[in-house]
N, C-alpha and C. Protein backbone atom coordinates (compact mmCIF):
# COMPACT_ATOMS: atom_id res chain seq x y z
N UNK A 1 5.06 -29.35 28.84
CA UNK A 1 4.47 -28.28 28.84
C UNK A 1 2.99 -28.84 29.49
N UNK A 2 2.35 -27.42 29.94
CA UNK A 2 1.17 -27.39 30.89
C UNK A 2 -0.09 -27.78 30.09
N UNK A 3 -0.98 -28.40 30.83
CA UNK A 3 -2.22 -28.27 29.74
C UNK A 3 -2.80 -26.51 29.37
N UNK A 4 -2.49 -25.68 30.20
CA UNK A 4 -2.65 -24.62 29.90
C UNK A 4 -2.11 -23.60 28.37
N UNK A 5 -0.84 -23.92 28.26
CA UNK A 5 -0.23 -23.56 26.86
C UNK A 5 -0.53 -24.74 25.81
N UNK A 6 -0.60 -26.28 26.04
CA UNK A 6 -1.71 -26.62 25.39
C UNK A 6 -3.24 -26.13 24.73
N UNK A 7 -3.50 -26.21 25.30
CA UNK A 7 -5.17 -24.85 25.02
C UNK A 7 -4.58 -24.10 24.13
N UNK A 8 -3.74 -23.39 24.88
CA UNK A 8 -3.38 -21.84 24.15
C UNK A 8 -2.95 -22.43 22.85
N UNK A 9 -2.29 -23.41 22.44
CA UNK A 9 -1.90 -23.98 21.24
C UNK A 9 -2.66 -24.18 20.32
N UNK A 10 -4.09 -24.60 21.11
CA UNK A 10 -5.23 -25.29 20.45
C UNK A 10 -6.13 -24.28 19.79
N UNK A 11 -6.13 -22.96 20.14
CA UNK A 11 -7.08 -21.88 20.69
C UNK A 11 -6.02 -20.91 19.56
N UNK A 12 -4.84 -20.34 19.57
CA UNK A 12 -4.16 -19.92 18.29
C UNK A 12 -4.01 -20.52 17.01
N UNK A 13 -4.05 -21.75 16.74
CA UNK A 13 -4.09 -22.75 15.74
C UNK A 13 -5.22 -22.71 15.21
N UNK A 14 -6.46 -22.42 15.72
CA UNK A 14 -7.85 -22.29 15.25
C UNK A 14 -8.17 -20.61 14.48
N UNK A 15 -7.20 -19.98 15.08
CA UNK A 15 -7.33 -18.76 14.29
C UNK A 15 -6.15 -18.29 13.42
N UNK A 16 -5.01 -19.62 13.52
CA UNK A 16 -4.29 -18.91 12.20
C UNK A 16 -2.91 -18.77 12.93
N UNK A 17 -3.13 -18.02 14.31
CA UNK A 17 -1.93 -17.41 14.79
C UNK A 17 -0.64 -18.35 15.66
N UNK A 18 0.42 -17.92 15.46
CA UNK A 18 1.28 -18.32 15.82
C UNK A 18 1.15 -18.12 17.90
N UNK A 19 1.16 -18.87 18.79
CA UNK A 19 0.70 -18.77 20.16
C UNK A 19 2.26 -18.34 20.11
N UNK A 20 1.62 -17.23 21.59
CA UNK A 20 2.84 -16.55 22.07
C UNK A 20 2.75 -16.47 23.70
N UNK A 21 4.00 -16.49 24.44
CA UNK A 21 3.95 -16.62 25.98
C UNK A 21 4.70 -15.28 26.22
N UNK A 22 4.34 -15.08 26.86
CA UNK A 22 5.70 -13.43 27.62
C UNK A 22 5.69 -14.16 29.18
N UNK A 23 6.64 -14.25 29.50
CA UNK A 23 7.16 -14.90 30.83
C UNK A 23 7.98 -14.25 31.20
N UNK A 24 8.47 -14.54 32.49
CA UNK A 24 9.63 -13.60 33.34
C UNK A 24 10.94 -14.09 32.82
N UNK A 25 11.90 -13.10 32.30
CA UNK A 25 13.01 -13.60 32.34
C UNK A 25 13.55 -14.87 32.96
N UNK A 26 13.41 -14.62 34.79
CA UNK A 26 13.98 -15.78 35.85
C UNK A 26 12.98 -16.82 35.80
N UNK A 27 11.93 -17.26 34.64
CA UNK A 27 11.12 -17.99 35.17
C UNK A 27 11.57 -19.05 34.28
N UNK A 28 11.59 -20.35 35.44
CA UNK A 28 12.09 -21.45 35.05
C UNK A 28 10.89 -22.18 33.84
N UNK A 29 9.95 -21.47 33.84
CA UNK A 29 8.51 -22.39 32.42
C UNK A 29 9.22 -21.87 31.41
N UNK A 30 10.27 -20.84 31.13
CA UNK A 30 10.68 -20.06 29.77
C UNK A 30 11.50 -21.55 29.09
N UNK A 31 12.56 -22.56 29.88
CA UNK A 31 13.06 -23.72 29.82
C UNK A 31 11.71 -24.52 29.15
N UNK A 32 11.06 -24.93 29.76
CA UNK A 32 9.79 -25.81 29.54
C UNK A 32 9.42 -25.33 28.35
N UNK A 33 9.16 -24.28 27.93
CA UNK A 33 8.39 -23.31 26.68
C UNK A 33 9.55 -24.14 25.22
N UNK A 34 11.00 -23.27 25.73
CA UNK A 34 11.85 -23.91 24.87
C UNK A 34 11.74 -25.13 24.21
N UNK A 35 12.00 -26.19 25.40
CA UNK A 35 11.84 -27.51 24.61
C UNK A 35 10.85 -27.84 24.49
N UNK A 36 9.89 -27.36 23.98
CA UNK A 36 8.37 -27.59 23.57
C UNK A 36 8.37 -27.01 22.38
N UNK A 37 9.38 -25.99 21.87
CA UNK A 37 9.54 -25.27 20.34
C UNK A 37 8.99 -23.81 20.25
N UNK A 38 9.48 -23.73 21.38
CA UNK A 38 9.52 -22.13 21.17
C UNK A 38 10.96 -21.24 21.54
N UNK A 39 10.56 -20.47 20.81
CA UNK A 39 11.64 -19.29 20.67
C UNK A 39 11.59 -18.37 20.95
N UNK A 40 12.55 -17.18 21.61
CA UNK A 40 12.77 -16.06 21.81
C UNK A 40 12.45 -15.04 20.72
N UNK A 41 11.42 -14.21 20.85
CA UNK A 41 11.15 -13.35 19.12
C UNK A 41 11.50 -11.88 19.79
N UNK A 42 11.35 -11.25 21.13
CA UNK A 42 11.64 -10.29 21.61
C UNK A 42 12.00 -10.32 23.44
N UNK A 43 12.46 -9.33 23.85
CA UNK A 43 12.55 -8.77 24.94
C UNK A 43 12.01 -8.04 25.44
N UNK A 44 11.08 -7.65 26.68
CA UNK A 44 10.12 -6.28 26.85
C UNK A 44 10.96 -6.18 28.53
N UNK A 45 11.70 -4.89 28.49
CA UNK A 45 12.14 -4.58 29.82
C UNK A 45 11.50 -3.51 30.31
N UNK A 46 10.97 -3.54 31.51
CA UNK A 46 9.93 -2.76 32.13
C UNK A 46 10.66 -2.31 33.40
N UNK A 47 10.67 -0.40 33.32
CA UNK A 47 11.57 -0.02 33.15
C UNK A 47 10.92 1.34 34.23
N UNK A 48 11.85 2.05 35.23
CA UNK A 48 11.23 2.69 36.17
C UNK A 48 12.07 4.16 35.87
N UNK A 49 11.47 5.18 36.42
CA UNK A 49 12.59 5.86 36.12
C UNK A 49 12.76 6.23 37.52
N UNK A 50 14.31 6.82 37.34
CA UNK A 50 15.02 7.22 38.81
C UNK A 50 15.63 8.37 39.32
N UNK A 51 15.33 9.32 38.17
CA UNK A 51 15.94 10.50 38.67
C UNK A 51 15.69 11.57 37.46
N UNK A 52 15.42 12.94 38.17
CA UNK A 52 15.11 14.04 36.50
C UNK A 52 15.96 13.73 34.84
N UNK A 53 14.48 14.36 34.40
CA UNK A 53 15.24 14.52 33.07
C UNK A 53 14.99 15.65 32.69
N UNK A 54 16.02 15.76 31.93
CA UNK A 54 16.11 17.45 31.60
C UNK A 54 15.55 17.59 29.65
N UNK A 55 14.49 17.91 29.38
CA UNK A 55 14.17 18.59 27.61
C UNK A 55 13.50 19.98 28.10
N UNK A 56 14.10 20.29 26.85
CA UNK A 56 14.25 21.96 26.67
C UNK A 56 12.97 22.41 25.88
N UNK A 57 12.16 21.34 24.96
CA UNK A 57 10.88 21.72 24.58
C UNK A 57 9.52 22.13 25.22
N UNK A 58 9.00 22.64 24.95
CA UNK A 58 7.82 22.67 25.71
C UNK A 58 6.54 21.55 25.26
N UNK A 59 6.20 21.09 26.46
CA UNK A 59 5.30 20.41 25.77
C UNK A 59 4.16 20.32 26.40
N UNK A 60 2.54 20.13 26.25
CA UNK A 60 1.88 19.71 26.17
C UNK A 60 0.75 19.19 26.19
N UNK A 61 -0.32 19.28 27.05
CA UNK A 61 -1.25 18.46 27.37
C UNK A 61 -2.58 18.52 26.09
N UNK A 62 -2.39 17.93 25.08
CA UNK A 62 -3.16 17.57 23.67
C UNK A 62 -4.91 17.98 23.97
N UNK A 63 -5.90 18.49 23.18
CA UNK A 63 -7.10 18.82 22.88
C UNK A 63 -7.32 18.09 21.94
N UNK A 64 -6.58 17.81 20.84
CA UNK A 64 -7.34 17.66 19.71
C UNK A 64 -6.60 15.83 18.89
N UNK A 65 -7.77 15.32 18.88
CA UNK A 65 -7.27 14.11 18.68
C UNK A 65 -6.84 13.78 17.46
N UNK A 66 -7.10 14.23 16.53
CA UNK A 66 -6.66 14.88 15.65
C UNK A 66 -5.75 14.65 15.19
N UNK A 67 -5.21 15.37 15.35
CA UNK A 67 -3.86 16.04 15.76
C UNK A 67 -2.49 14.86 16.40
N UNK A 68 -2.76 14.65 17.26
CA UNK A 68 -2.53 13.82 18.08
C UNK A 68 -2.44 12.34 17.47
N UNK A 69 -3.40 11.32 16.81
CA UNK A 69 -3.31 10.75 16.13
C UNK A 69 -2.61 10.37 15.06
N UNK A 70 -2.50 11.86 14.21
CA UNK A 70 -2.35 11.52 12.97
C UNK A 70 0.02 12.37 13.46
N UNK A 71 0.07 12.49 14.40
CA UNK A 71 1.75 12.42 14.83
C UNK A 71 1.59 10.93 15.14
N UNK A 72 0.97 10.27 16.33
CA UNK A 72 1.18 9.07 16.34
C UNK A 72 1.21 8.23 15.39
N UNK A 73 0.50 7.92 14.50
CA UNK A 73 0.71 6.85 12.77
C UNK A 73 2.13 7.44 12.14
N UNK A 74 2.05 8.57 12.47
CA UNK A 74 3.19 8.64 11.15
C UNK A 74 4.56 8.32 11.84
N UNK A 75 4.58 8.31 13.08
CA UNK A 75 6.20 7.85 14.16
C UNK A 75 6.01 6.56 14.38
N UNK A 76 5.20 6.00 14.18
CA UNK A 76 4.42 4.79 14.24
C UNK A 76 4.84 3.65 13.49
N UNK A 77 4.04 4.22 11.76
CA UNK A 77 3.63 3.51 11.22
C UNK A 77 4.22 4.62 9.50
N UNK A 78 4.66 5.46 9.45
CA UNK A 78 5.32 6.17 8.44
C UNK A 78 4.49 6.55 8.06
N UNK A 79 2.72 6.30 7.98
CA UNK A 79 1.93 7.17 7.59
C UNK A 79 0.72 7.47 8.49
N UNK A 80 -0.52 7.70 7.83
CA UNK A 80 -1.68 7.64 8.45
C UNK A 80 -2.83 6.96 7.86
N UNK A 81 -2.64 6.01 7.16
CA UNK A 81 -3.75 5.11 7.20
C UNK A 81 -4.78 4.56 8.09
N UNK A 82 -4.13 4.46 8.76
CA UNK A 82 -5.69 3.79 9.96
C UNK A 82 -6.07 4.61 10.70
N UNK A 83 -6.08 6.01 10.50
CA UNK A 83 -6.22 7.19 10.81
C UNK A 83 -8.05 7.14 11.43
N UNK A 84 -8.93 6.33 10.19
CA UNK A 84 -10.48 6.15 10.97
C UNK A 84 -10.17 5.21 11.83
N UNK A 85 -9.58 4.18 11.99
CA UNK A 85 -9.74 3.39 13.12
C UNK A 85 -8.95 4.33 14.59
N UNK A 86 -7.74 4.60 14.40
CA UNK A 86 -7.44 5.35 15.65
C UNK A 86 -8.14 6.27 16.05
N UNK A 87 -8.68 6.93 15.21
CA UNK A 87 -8.53 8.56 16.30
C UNK A 87 -9.60 8.35 17.12
N UNK A 88 -10.93 7.66 16.67
CA UNK A 88 -12.00 7.62 17.90
C UNK A 88 -11.55 6.44 19.10
N UNK A 89 -10.72 6.03 19.09
CA UNK A 89 -9.92 5.30 20.09
C UNK A 89 -9.01 7.01 21.22
N UNK A 90 -8.44 7.33 20.35
CA UNK A 90 -7.95 8.57 20.96
C UNK A 90 -8.73 9.49 21.51
N UNK A 91 -9.88 9.71 20.75
CA UNK A 91 -11.49 10.27 21.17
C UNK A 91 -11.40 9.76 22.56
N UNK A 92 -11.42 8.99 22.60
CA UNK A 92 -12.30 7.76 23.84
C UNK A 92 -10.96 8.47 25.13
N UNK A 93 -10.09 8.10 24.56
CA UNK A 93 -8.89 8.22 25.60
C UNK A 93 -8.99 9.76 26.08
N UNK A 94 -8.60 10.91 25.54
CA UNK A 94 -8.98 12.29 26.29
C UNK A 94 -10.32 12.47 27.00
N UNK A 95 -11.33 11.39 26.88
CA UNK A 95 -12.76 11.71 27.95
C UNK A 95 -11.98 11.01 29.37
N UNK A 96 -11.11 10.26 29.23
CA UNK A 96 -11.00 9.22 30.29
C UNK A 96 -9.97 9.90 31.08
N UNK A 97 -10.18 10.23 32.88
CA UNK A 97 -9.76 10.88 33.50
C UNK A 97 -8.25 10.09 33.72
N UNK A 98 -8.03 9.18 33.59
CA UNK A 98 -6.75 8.48 34.03
C UNK A 98 -5.62 8.60 32.96
N UNK A 99 -6.13 9.12 31.49
CA UNK A 99 -5.25 9.44 30.83
C UNK A 99 -4.67 10.81 30.73
N UNK A 100 -3.36 10.85 30.28
CA UNK A 100 -3.07 12.32 29.73
C UNK A 100 -2.62 11.84 28.17
N UNK A 101 -2.64 12.96 27.24
CA UNK A 101 -1.98 12.71 26.17
C UNK A 101 -0.96 14.10 26.19
N UNK A 102 0.48 13.71 26.08
CA UNK A 102 1.20 14.97 25.61
C UNK A 102 1.83 14.70 24.39
N UNK A 103 1.82 16.22 23.90
CA UNK A 103 2.21 16.77 22.51
C UNK A 103 3.56 17.39 22.61
N UNK A 104 4.48 17.64 21.85
CA UNK A 104 5.20 18.50 21.52
C UNK A 104 4.64 19.30 20.14
N UNK A 105 4.75 20.45 20.29
CA UNK A 105 4.78 21.10 18.89
C UNK A 105 6.10 22.38 18.50
N UNK A 106 6.08 22.07 17.59
CA UNK A 106 6.79 23.38 16.57
C UNK A 106 6.02 24.21 15.49
N UNK A 107 5.84 25.41 15.90
CA UNK A 107 4.84 26.20 14.62
C UNK A 107 3.83 25.68 14.06
N UNK A 108 3.14 24.89 15.23
CA UNK A 108 2.02 24.64 14.66
C UNK A 108 1.97 22.97 14.73
N UNK A 109 3.25 22.53 14.60
CA UNK A 109 3.03 20.95 14.01
C UNK A 109 2.97 19.94 14.78
N UNK A 110 2.46 19.22 15.22
CA UNK A 110 2.70 18.28 16.56
C UNK A 110 3.98 17.49 15.99
N UNK A 111 4.97 17.39 16.64
CA UNK A 111 6.21 16.62 16.35
C UNK A 111 6.67 15.42 16.99
N UNK A 112 5.87 15.45 18.23
CA UNK A 112 5.84 14.11 19.21
C UNK A 112 5.03 14.23 20.00
N UNK A 113 4.45 12.65 20.43
CA UNK A 113 3.35 12.31 21.17
C UNK A 113 3.53 11.07 22.55
N UNK A 114 3.23 11.02 23.44
CA UNK A 114 3.05 10.29 24.48
C UNK A 114 2.12 10.26 25.18
N UNK A 115 1.71 8.66 25.86
CA UNK A 115 0.27 8.86 26.33
C UNK A 115 0.72 8.44 27.79
N UNK A 116 -0.14 9.09 28.83
CA UNK A 116 0.24 8.44 30.22
C UNK A 116 -0.92 7.98 30.74
N UNK A 117 -0.88 7.05 31.56
CA UNK A 117 -1.96 6.37 32.34
C UNK A 117 -1.92 5.83 33.77
N UNK A 118 -3.00 6.50 34.17
CA UNK A 118 -2.73 6.34 35.64
C UNK A 118 -3.47 5.13 36.55
N UNK A 119 -2.43 4.58 37.31
CA UNK A 119 -2.96 3.28 38.27
C UNK A 119 -2.44 3.81 39.69
N UNK A 120 -3.07 3.28 40.88
CA UNK A 120 -2.95 3.87 41.95
C UNK A 120 -1.06 3.46 42.13
N UNK A 121 -0.62 5.09 42.71
CA UNK A 121 0.79 4.48 42.88
C UNK A 121 1.57 4.94 41.83
N UNK A 122 0.78 5.05 40.55
CA UNK A 122 1.77 4.51 38.88
C UNK A 122 1.44 5.42 37.87
N UNK A 123 2.32 6.07 37.09
CA UNK A 123 1.89 6.52 35.80
C UNK A 123 2.88 5.56 34.96
N UNK A 124 2.30 4.86 33.98
CA UNK A 124 2.60 4.78 33.13
C UNK A 124 2.68 4.85 31.80
N UNK A 125 4.05 5.31 30.96
CA UNK A 125 4.55 5.76 29.78
C UNK A 125 4.05 4.97 28.67
N UNK A 126 3.35 5.44 27.83
CA UNK A 126 3.23 4.82 26.43
C UNK A 126 3.26 5.45 25.12
N UNK A 127 3.50 5.11 24.30
CA UNK A 127 3.14 5.52 22.53
C UNK A 127 4.06 6.79 22.96
N UNK A 128 5.20 6.65 22.90
CA UNK A 128 6.19 7.70 22.91
C UNK A 128 6.99 7.58 22.09
N UNK A 129 6.34 8.51 20.66
CA UNK A 129 6.59 8.59 19.63
C UNK A 129 7.16 10.25 18.72
N UNK A 130 7.76 10.34 17.37
CA UNK A 130 8.53 11.51 17.67
C UNK A 130 8.53 11.28 15.69
N UNK A 131 8.17 12.23 15.03
CA UNK A 131 7.34 12.04 13.38
C UNK A 131 8.71 11.92 13.10
N UNK A 132 9.38 11.24 11.81
CA UNK A 132 10.93 10.70 11.92
C UNK A 132 11.48 11.84 10.84
N UNK A 133 10.88 13.32 10.60
CA UNK A 133 11.64 13.99 10.37
C UNK A 133 11.76 15.25 11.38
N UNK A 134 11.44 14.64 12.28
CA UNK A 134 11.78 15.68 13.78
C UNK A 134 12.81 14.52 15.07
N UNK A 135 13.06 13.30 14.59
CA UNK A 135 13.90 12.46 15.55
C UNK A 135 15.11 13.12 15.81
N UNK A 136 16.06 12.63 16.64
CA UNK A 136 17.05 13.10 17.05
C UNK A 136 17.22 14.81 17.54
N UNK A 137 16.06 15.19 17.59
CA UNK A 137 16.38 16.76 17.94
C UNK A 137 15.63 16.98 19.65
N UNK A 138 15.72 15.97 20.66
CA UNK A 138 15.19 16.31 21.78
C UNK A 138 13.87 16.24 22.22
N UNK A 139 13.17 15.96 21.24
CA UNK A 139 11.75 15.47 21.12
C UNK A 139 11.13 14.30 22.29
N UNK A 140 11.40 13.02 22.13
CA UNK A 140 11.41 12.09 23.05
C UNK A 140 11.59 12.44 24.41
N UNK A 141 12.86 12.89 24.67
CA UNK A 141 13.44 13.35 26.29
C UNK A 141 12.52 14.61 26.33
N UNK A 142 12.45 15.30 25.85
CA UNK A 142 11.13 16.55 26.15
C UNK A 142 9.56 16.11 26.81
N UNK A 143 9.41 15.05 25.67
CA UNK A 143 7.89 14.51 26.69
C UNK A 143 8.09 13.90 27.92
N UNK A 144 9.37 12.54 27.82
CA UNK A 144 9.48 12.26 28.91
C UNK A 144 9.86 13.31 30.21
N UNK A 145 10.48 14.19 30.25
CA UNK A 145 10.67 14.75 31.23
C UNK A 145 9.13 15.44 31.49
N UNK A 146 8.27 15.98 30.67
CA UNK A 146 7.04 16.62 31.22
C UNK A 146 6.14 15.34 31.81
N UNK A 147 6.83 14.21 31.41
CA UNK A 147 5.80 13.11 32.34
C UNK A 147 6.17 12.55 33.56
N UNK A 148 7.91 12.86 34.02
CA UNK A 148 8.56 12.80 34.72
C UNK A 148 7.77 13.60 36.27
N UNK A 149 7.77 15.03 35.71
CA UNK A 149 7.68 16.26 36.05
C UNK A 149 5.93 16.12 36.66
N UNK A 150 4.90 15.27 35.74
CA UNK A 150 3.80 15.04 36.44
C UNK A 150 3.91 14.11 37.09
N UNK A 151 4.17 13.67 36.95
CA UNK A 151 4.50 11.84 38.06
C UNK A 151 4.58 12.47 39.46
N UNK A 152 6.05 12.85 39.69
CA UNK A 152 6.56 13.86 40.47
C UNK A 152 5.27 14.56 41.27
N UNK A 153 4.29 15.24 40.38
CA UNK A 153 4.09 16.16 41.34
C UNK A 153 2.23 16.02 41.61
N UNK A 154 2.33 14.28 41.30
CA UNK A 154 0.71 13.41 41.87
C UNK A 154 1.63 12.49 42.92
N UNK A 155 2.98 12.46 42.81
CA UNK A 155 3.40 11.33 44.03
C UNK A 155 3.57 9.85 43.13
N UNK A 156 3.61 9.81 41.83
CA UNK A 156 3.62 8.79 41.67
C UNK A 156 4.84 8.45 40.70
N UNK A 157 5.18 6.98 40.98
CA UNK A 157 6.02 6.03 40.49
C UNK A 157 5.89 6.15 38.77
N UNK A 158 7.35 6.35 38.10
CA UNK A 158 6.98 6.66 36.77
C UNK A 158 7.75 5.07 35.87
N UNK A 159 6.80 4.76 35.13
CA UNK A 159 7.44 3.28 34.56
C UNK A 159 6.55 3.18 33.16
N UNK A 160 7.49 2.40 32.86
CA UNK A 160 6.72 2.25 31.08
C UNK A 160 8.02 0.68 30.70
N UNK A 161 7.72 0.41 29.50
CA UNK A 161 7.89 -1.33 29.06
C UNK A 161 8.79 -1.25 27.95
N UNK A 162 10.15 -1.15 27.46
CA UNK A 162 10.40 -1.03 26.12
C UNK A 162 10.84 -2.57 25.54
N UNK A 163 10.58 -2.45 24.42
CA UNK A 163 10.81 -3.59 23.53
C UNK A 163 12.13 -3.93 22.78
N UNK A 164 13.10 -4.74 23.08
CA UNK A 164 14.29 -4.26 22.41
C UNK A 164 14.25 -4.13 21.22
N UNK A 165 12.60 -4.82 20.41
CA UNK A 165 13.14 -4.93 18.48
C UNK A 165 12.87 -3.25 18.38
N UNK A 166 12.33 -2.67 19.53
CA UNK A 166 12.03 -1.50 19.09
C UNK A 166 12.90 -0.29 19.38
N UNK A 167 14.59 -0.56 19.70
CA UNK A 167 15.51 0.41 19.46
C UNK A 167 15.38 1.24 20.27
N UNK A 168 14.62 1.63 21.48
CA UNK A 168 14.35 2.77 22.10
C UNK A 168 15.03 2.97 23.66
N UNK A 169 15.21 1.48 23.90
CA UNK A 169 15.94 1.35 25.48
C UNK A 169 17.07 2.24 26.01
N UNK A 170 17.82 2.23 25.06
CA UNK A 170 19.00 3.39 25.61
C UNK A 170 18.79 4.50 25.47
N UNK A 171 17.69 5.05 24.49
CA UNK A 171 17.39 6.27 25.01
C UNK A 171 16.90 6.79 26.58
N UNK A 172 15.99 5.64 26.89
CA UNK A 172 15.38 5.70 28.31
C UNK A 172 16.64 5.35 29.07
N UNK A 173 17.28 4.45 29.11
CA UNK A 173 18.94 4.73 30.39
C UNK A 173 19.17 5.94 30.33
N UNK A 174 19.62 6.38 28.85
CA UNK A 174 20.42 7.92 28.98
C UNK A 174 19.32 8.95 29.48
N UNK A 175 17.87 8.57 30.28
CA UNK A 175 16.94 9.69 30.69
C UNK A 175 16.65 8.95 32.14
N UNK A 176 17.78 8.65 32.78
CA UNK A 176 17.32 8.50 34.19
C UNK A 176 16.58 6.80 34.66
N UNK A 177 16.15 6.23 33.12
CA UNK A 177 15.46 5.12 34.06
C UNK A 177 15.95 3.60 34.18
N UNK A 178 15.47 3.01 34.99
CA UNK A 178 16.45 1.54 35.39
C UNK A 178 15.59 0.68 34.96
N UNK A 179 16.33 -0.77 34.95
CA UNK A 179 15.17 -1.96 34.30
C UNK A 179 14.88 -2.62 35.23
N UNK A 180 13.94 -2.54 36.12
CA UNK A 180 12.96 -3.27 37.17
C UNK A 180 13.61 -5.41 37.20
N UNK A 181 12.79 -5.49 35.47
CA UNK A 181 12.59 -6.90 35.34
C UNK A 181 12.52 -7.00 34.21
N UNK A 182 12.76 -8.39 33.14
CA UNK A 182 12.43 -8.14 31.77
C UNK A 182 11.79 -9.80 31.74
N UNK A 183 11.26 -9.31 30.55
CA UNK A 183 10.09 -10.41 30.44
C UNK A 183 10.74 -11.07 28.84
N UNK A 184 10.41 -12.29 28.61
CA UNK A 184 11.02 -12.77 27.10
C UNK A 184 9.56 -12.98 26.51
N UNK A 185 9.60 -12.77 25.22
CA UNK A 185 8.60 -12.89 24.26
C UNK A 185 8.86 -14.11 23.99
N UNK A 186 8.19 -15.04 24.14
CA UNK A 186 8.13 -16.91 22.78
C UNK A 186 7.13 -17.01 22.43
N UNK A 187 7.52 -18.13 21.08
CA UNK A 187 6.48 -17.54 19.92
C UNK A 187 6.74 -19.36 19.46
N UNK A 188 6.08 -20.34 19.40
CA UNK A 188 6.34 -21.26 18.66
C UNK A 188 5.82 -20.83 16.92
N UNK A 189 6.41 -21.18 15.97
CA UNK A 189 6.23 -21.28 14.77
C UNK A 189 5.38 -22.11 14.23
N UNK A 190 3.90 -21.84 13.99
CA UNK A 190 2.63 -22.30 12.78
C UNK A 190 3.35 -23.51 11.75
N UNK A 191 3.30 -24.89 11.59
CA UNK A 191 3.61 -25.86 10.72
C UNK A 191 3.04 -25.47 9.78
């Protein structure tokens, strides 16, 4: 174990949080961390869009932090209890030129959301979520299709990260994304 990992362990121990490292799956340091008591808790796949995506629903850019926040919270947490915390963050994202928040609505209700963040040459996909009562209806696919078209129009690559624990990797693979590389998420249980 390196001095950096020992320092991190002491730092996390003071805060009562289990130390966690994210390392490339091909990294030899992962073996050293495993030998020091770290175990794999998840796998992150970094993916790139390599093919057009066919989505049927109409997707628009949101202008309402309230509606986007509500759909995001329902999609990821099943309730809207964190609205007071999340809504100001979403409002600030709407003012950021590097960010675009997408939503798909039916009869005025937001069914799904997606966030896009731009960096030079790339557009990153985050927060792809469908509210529970509208899942398995092509909402996420429509959102991804819109994101792909936007990335193409701006001549940017479209990338995303998918955690194995979220169960969405196959959705992305089915929609023309390919795995570029994997990262292991390693954690050491506190005693």
